[in-house]
Amino acid sequence: MKFQKNEPKGQNKRIHRHQRQRDSDQQVTDMLKLCLQKICELQAEINDEENVHDAEAAGYAACAVETLRFLTNQGLPPSHPMVKTLTEKLLKKDD
């Protein structure tokens, strides 16, 4: 005994084609989501690295200023050769 389907043959093919298209669209959407997630992770890493370098630079600058302030408080004028040399070394940009 055969059961008859209420759908015409052509419509059944269209339904399968539309289902395959939706499956394909979903796969593309999933891949795009994964790519976007990876991009966001990489951007977060870049931002973290920039923040670390900014913190390092700020810490270095604070130490340099404090060193020069200490020498000045100890009575060495900014024109003293040691203070001049140290200032040049501390402010030199060798990153």
N, C-alpha and C. Protein backbone atom coordinates (compact mmCIF):
# COMPACT_ATOMS: atom_id res chain seq x y z
N MET A 1 0.83 -1.16 0.00
CA MET A 1 0.00 0.00 0.00
C MET A 1 0.89 1.24 0.00
N LYS A 2 0.63 2.13 -0.96
CA LYS A 2 1.41 3.36 -1.07
C LYS A 2 0.61 4.52 -0.50
N PHE A 3 1.38 5.41 0.16
CA PHE A 3 0.75 6.63 0.64
C PHE A 3 1.01 7.72 -0.37
N GLN A 4 -0.01 8.45 -0.67
CA GLN A 4 0.16 9.54 -1.62
C GLN A 4 0.50 10.81 -0.86
N LYS A 5 1.38 11.53 -1.44
CA LYS A 5 1.75 12.82 -0.86
C LYS A 5 0.85 13.86 -1.48
N ASN A 6 0.53 14.85 -0.70
CA ASN A 6 -0.34 15.92 -1.18
C ASN A 6 0.43 16.94 -2.01
N GLU A 7 1.74 16.85 -2.02
CA GLU A 7 2.55 17.84 -2.71
C GLU A 7 2.87 17.35 -4.12
N PRO A 8 2.82 18.25 -5.08
CA PRO A 8 3.25 17.88 -6.43
C PRO A 8 4.76 17.64 -6.45
N LYS A 9 5.24 16.90 -7.46
CA LYS A 9 6.67 16.55 -7.54
C LYS A 9 7.57 17.78 -7.57
N GLY A 10 7.24 18.75 -8.37
CA GLY A 10 8.08 19.95 -8.51
C GLY A 10 8.19 20.73 -7.21
N GLN A 11 7.11 20.77 -6.47
CA GLN A 11 7.13 21.53 -5.22
C GLN A 11 8.05 20.84 -4.20
N ASN A 12 8.07 19.52 -4.20
CA ASN A 12 8.93 18.77 -3.29
C ASN A 12 10.40 19.09 -3.56
N LYS A 13 10.78 19.20 -4.83
CA LYS A 13 12.16 19.54 -5.20
C LYS A 13 12.50 20.96 -4.75
N ARG A 14 11.53 21.86 -4.92
CA ARG A 14 11.77 23.25 -4.50
C ARG A 14 11.96 23.34 -2.99
N ILE A 15 11.18 22.56 -2.26
CA ILE A 15 11.32 22.58 -0.80
C ILE A 15 12.71 22.11 -0.40
N HIS A 16 13.19 21.04 -1.01
CA HIS A 16 14.54 20.55 -0.71
C HIS A 16 15.61 21.56 -1.11
N ARG A 17 15.41 22.21 -2.26
CA ARG A 17 16.37 23.20 -2.71
C ARG A 17 16.40 24.38 -1.73
N HIS A 18 15.23 24.83 -1.28
CA HIS A 18 15.18 25.93 -0.31
C HIS A 18 15.80 25.52 1.02
N GLN A 19 15.57 24.27 1.41
CA GLN A 19 16.17 23.78 2.66
C GLN A 19 17.70 23.75 2.55
N ARG A 20 18.21 23.28 1.41
CA ARG A 20 19.67 23.27 1.20
C ARG A 20 20.21 24.69 1.21
N GLN A 21 19.47 25.62 0.61
CA GLN A 21 19.91 27.02 0.58
C GLN A 21 19.95 27.58 2.00
N ARG A 22 18.93 27.26 2.81
CA ARG A 22 18.93 27.74 4.21
C ARG A 22 20.09 27.13 4.99
N ASP A 23 20.34 25.85 4.76
CA ASP A 23 21.47 25.20 5.43
C ASP A 23 22.79 25.85 5.03
N SER A 24 22.92 26.14 3.75
CA SER A 24 24.14 26.78 3.25
C SER A 24 24.27 28.19 3.84
N ASP A 25 23.15 28.92 3.87
CA ASP A 25 23.17 30.27 4.46
C ASP A 25 23.55 30.21 5.93
N GLN A 26 23.06 29.20 6.65
CA GLN A 26 23.37 29.06 8.06
C GLN A 26 24.86 28.75 8.25
N GLN A 27 25.42 27.94 7.38
CA GLN A 27 26.85 27.63 7.46
C GLN A 27 27.68 28.88 7.23
N VAL A 28 27.28 29.68 6.25
CA VAL A 28 27.99 30.93 5.97
C VAL A 28 27.88 31.86 7.17
N THR A 29 26.68 31.95 7.74
CA THR A 29 26.47 32.80 8.91
C THR A 29 27.34 32.34 10.08
N ASP A 30 27.39 31.04 10.30
CA ASP A 30 28.23 30.50 11.38
C ASP A 30 29.70 30.81 11.15
N MET A 31 30.16 30.66 9.92
CA MET A 31 31.56 30.96 9.60
C MET A 31 31.86 32.44 9.80
N LEU A 32 30.94 33.30 9.38
CA LEU A 32 31.13 34.74 9.58
C LEU A 32 31.18 35.09 11.06
N LYS A 33 30.33 34.43 11.86
CA LYS A 33 30.36 34.66 13.30
C LYS A 33 31.71 34.26 13.90
N LEU A 34 32.22 33.10 13.47
CA LEU A 34 33.53 32.66 13.96
C LEU A 34 34.63 33.63 13.57
N CYS A 35 34.58 34.10 12.32
CA CYS A 35 35.59 35.06 11.85
C CYS A 35 35.51 36.36 12.65
N LEU A 36 34.30 36.85 12.87
CA LEU A 36 34.13 38.09 13.62
C LEU A 36 34.61 37.91 15.06
N GLN A 37 34.31 36.76 15.65
CA GLN A 37 34.77 36.48 17.00
C GLN A 37 36.30 36.50 17.06
N LYS A 38 36.95 35.88 16.08
CA LYS A 38 38.42 35.85 16.05
C LYS A 38 38.98 37.26 15.87
N ILE A 39 38.36 38.05 15.01
CA ILE A 39 38.80 39.44 14.81
C ILE A 39 38.69 40.21 16.12
N CYS A 40 37.59 40.03 16.83
CA CYS A 40 37.41 40.72 18.11
C CYS A 40 38.46 40.29 19.13
N GLU A 41 38.77 38.99 19.16
CA GLU A 41 39.81 38.50 20.07
C GLU A 41 41.17 39.11 19.74
N LEU A 42 41.50 39.16 18.45
CA LEU A 42 42.78 39.74 18.03
C LEU A 42 42.85 41.22 18.36
N GLN A 43 41.73 41.94 18.15
CA GLN A 43 41.70 43.37 18.47
C GLN A 43 41.88 43.58 19.97
N ALA A 44 41.27 42.73 20.77
CA ALA A 44 41.43 42.83 22.23
C ALA A 44 42.88 42.61 22.63
N GLU A 45 43.55 41.64 21.98
CA GLU A 45 44.97 41.40 22.25
C GLU A 45 45.81 42.63 21.90
N ILE A 46 45.52 43.22 20.75
CA ILE A 46 46.25 44.42 20.33
C ILE A 46 46.04 45.54 21.34
N ASN A 47 44.79 45.74 21.76
CA ASN A 47 44.50 46.79 22.73
C ASN A 47 45.21 46.54 24.05
N ASP A 48 45.25 45.28 24.50
CA ASP A 48 45.94 44.95 25.74
C ASP A 48 47.43 45.24 25.62
N GLU A 49 48.03 44.90 24.48
CA GLU A 49 49.46 45.16 24.28
C GLU A 49 49.74 46.65 24.28
N GLU A 50 48.85 47.44 23.65
CA GLU A 50 49.04 48.89 23.63
C GLU A 50 48.95 49.45 25.04
N ASN A 51 47.99 48.94 25.83
CA ASN A 51 47.85 49.41 27.20
C ASN A 51 49.07 49.06 28.03
N VAL A 52 49.65 47.89 27.81
CA VAL A 52 50.85 47.49 28.54
C VAL A 52 51.99 48.43 28.20
N HIS A 53 52.17 48.74 26.91
CA HIS A 53 53.25 49.64 26.50
C HIS A 53 53.01 51.05 27.05
N ASP A 54 51.77 51.50 27.06
CA ASP A 54 51.46 52.81 27.62
C ASP A 54 51.80 52.84 29.11
N ALA A 55 51.48 51.77 29.80
CA ALA A 55 51.77 51.71 31.23
C ALA A 55 53.28 51.69 31.47
N GLU A 56 54.00 50.94 30.64
CA GLU A 56 55.46 50.90 30.76
C GLU A 56 56.06 52.28 30.52
N ALA A 57 55.58 52.96 29.49
CA ALA A 57 56.10 54.29 29.17
C ALA A 57 55.80 55.27 30.30
N ALA A 58 54.60 55.19 30.84
CA ALA A 58 54.23 56.09 31.94
C ALA A 58 55.09 55.80 33.17
N GLY A 59 55.32 54.53 33.45
CA GLY A 59 56.16 54.17 34.60
C GLY A 59 57.59 54.63 34.42
N TYR A 60 58.11 54.47 33.21
CA TYR A 60 59.48 54.90 32.92
C TYR A 60 59.60 56.42 33.08
N ALA A 61 58.62 57.14 32.55
CA ALA A 61 58.65 58.61 32.64
C ALA A 61 58.58 59.05 34.10
N ALA A 62 57.74 58.38 34.89
CA ALA A 62 57.63 58.74 36.31
C ALA A 62 58.95 58.50 37.03
N CYS A 63 59.61 57.39 36.72
CA CYS A 63 60.91 57.10 37.34
C CYS A 63 61.97 58.12 36.93
N ALA A 64 61.97 58.48 35.66
CA ALA A 64 62.95 59.46 35.17
C ALA A 64 62.75 60.81 35.86
N VAL A 65 61.51 61.24 35.95
CA VAL A 65 61.22 62.53 36.61
C VAL A 65 61.62 62.47 38.07
N GLU A 66 61.29 61.39 38.74
CA GLU A 66 61.62 61.26 40.17
C GLU A 66 63.13 61.23 40.38
N THR A 67 63.86 60.58 39.50
CA THR A 67 65.33 60.54 39.60
C THR A 67 65.91 61.94 39.49
N LEU A 68 65.45 62.68 38.49
CA LEU A 68 65.96 64.05 38.31
C LEU A 68 65.54 64.96 39.46
N ARG A 69 64.33 64.78 39.97
CA ARG A 69 63.87 65.57 41.11
C ARG A 69 64.74 65.27 42.34
N PHE A 70 65.06 64.01 42.55
CA PHE A 70 65.91 63.62 43.68
C PHE A 70 67.28 64.29 43.59
N LEU A 71 67.89 64.24 42.40
CA LEU A 71 69.21 64.85 42.24
C LEU A 71 69.16 66.35 42.47
N THR A 72 68.09 66.99 42.01
CA THR A 72 67.94 68.43 42.23
C THR A 72 67.77 68.72 43.71
N ASN A 73 66.97 67.91 44.40
CA ASN A 73 66.78 68.10 45.85
C ASN A 73 68.06 67.86 46.64
N GLN A 74 68.96 67.06 46.08
CA GLN A 74 70.24 66.79 46.74
C GLN A 74 71.26 67.90 46.48
N GLY A 75 70.84 68.90 45.71
CA GLY A 75 71.70 70.06 45.51
C GLY A 75 72.42 70.10 44.18
N LEU A 76 72.19 69.14 43.30
CA LEU A 76 72.83 69.18 41.99
C LEU A 76 71.96 70.02 41.04
N PRO A 77 72.54 71.08 40.49
CA PRO A 77 71.76 71.92 39.56
C PRO A 77 71.56 71.21 38.21
N PRO A 78 70.54 71.60 37.46
CA PRO A 78 70.30 71.00 36.14
C PRO A 78 71.49 71.15 35.19
N SER A 79 72.36 72.13 35.47
CA SER A 79 73.52 72.34 34.60
C SER A 79 74.69 71.43 34.96
N HIS A 80 74.60 70.70 36.05
CA HIS A 80 75.68 69.79 36.46
C HIS A 80 75.85 68.71 35.38
N PRO A 81 77.12 68.36 35.03
CA PRO A 81 77.37 67.38 33.97
C PRO A 81 76.69 66.03 34.19
N MET A 82 76.66 65.57 35.46
CA MET A 82 76.02 64.28 35.72
C MET A 82 74.50 64.36 35.47
N VAL A 83 73.88 65.44 35.88
CA VAL A 83 72.44 65.61 35.68
C VAL A 83 72.14 65.74 34.19
N LYS A 84 72.97 66.50 33.48
CA LYS A 84 72.77 66.66 32.02
C LYS A 84 72.88 65.31 31.31
N THR A 85 73.93 64.55 31.64
CA THR A 85 74.14 63.25 30.99
C THR A 85 73.00 62.29 31.31
N LEU A 86 72.62 62.26 32.58
CA LEU A 86 71.53 61.37 32.99
C LEU A 86 70.22 61.77 32.31
N THR A 87 69.97 63.06 32.21
CA THR A 87 68.76 63.54 31.53
C THR A 87 68.76 63.10 30.07
N GLU A 88 69.89 63.26 29.40
CA GLU A 88 69.98 62.84 28.00
C GLU A 88 69.74 61.34 27.86
N LYS A 89 70.32 60.55 28.76
CA LYS A 89 70.15 59.09 28.70
C LYS A 89 68.69 58.69 28.96
N LEU A 90 68.10 59.34 29.96
CA LEU A 90 66.72 58.98 30.32
C LEU A 90 65.71 59.39 29.24
N LEU A 91 65.99 60.49 28.58
CA LEU A 91 65.05 60.99 27.57
C LEU A 91 65.31 60.44 26.18
N LYS A 92 66.42 59.73 26.04
CA LYS A 92 66.76 59.14 24.73
C LYS A 92 65.70 58.11 24.35
N LYS A 93 65.28 58.13 23.11
CA LYS A 93 64.21 57.23 22.64
C LYS A 93 64.80 56.01 21.97
N ASP A 94 65.20 55.03 22.76
CA ASP A 94 65.71 53.76 22.23
C ASP A 94 64.73 52.64 22.54
N ASP A 95 63.54 52.70 21.96
CA ASP A 95 62.51 51.68 22.23
C ASP A 95 62.73 50.47 21.39
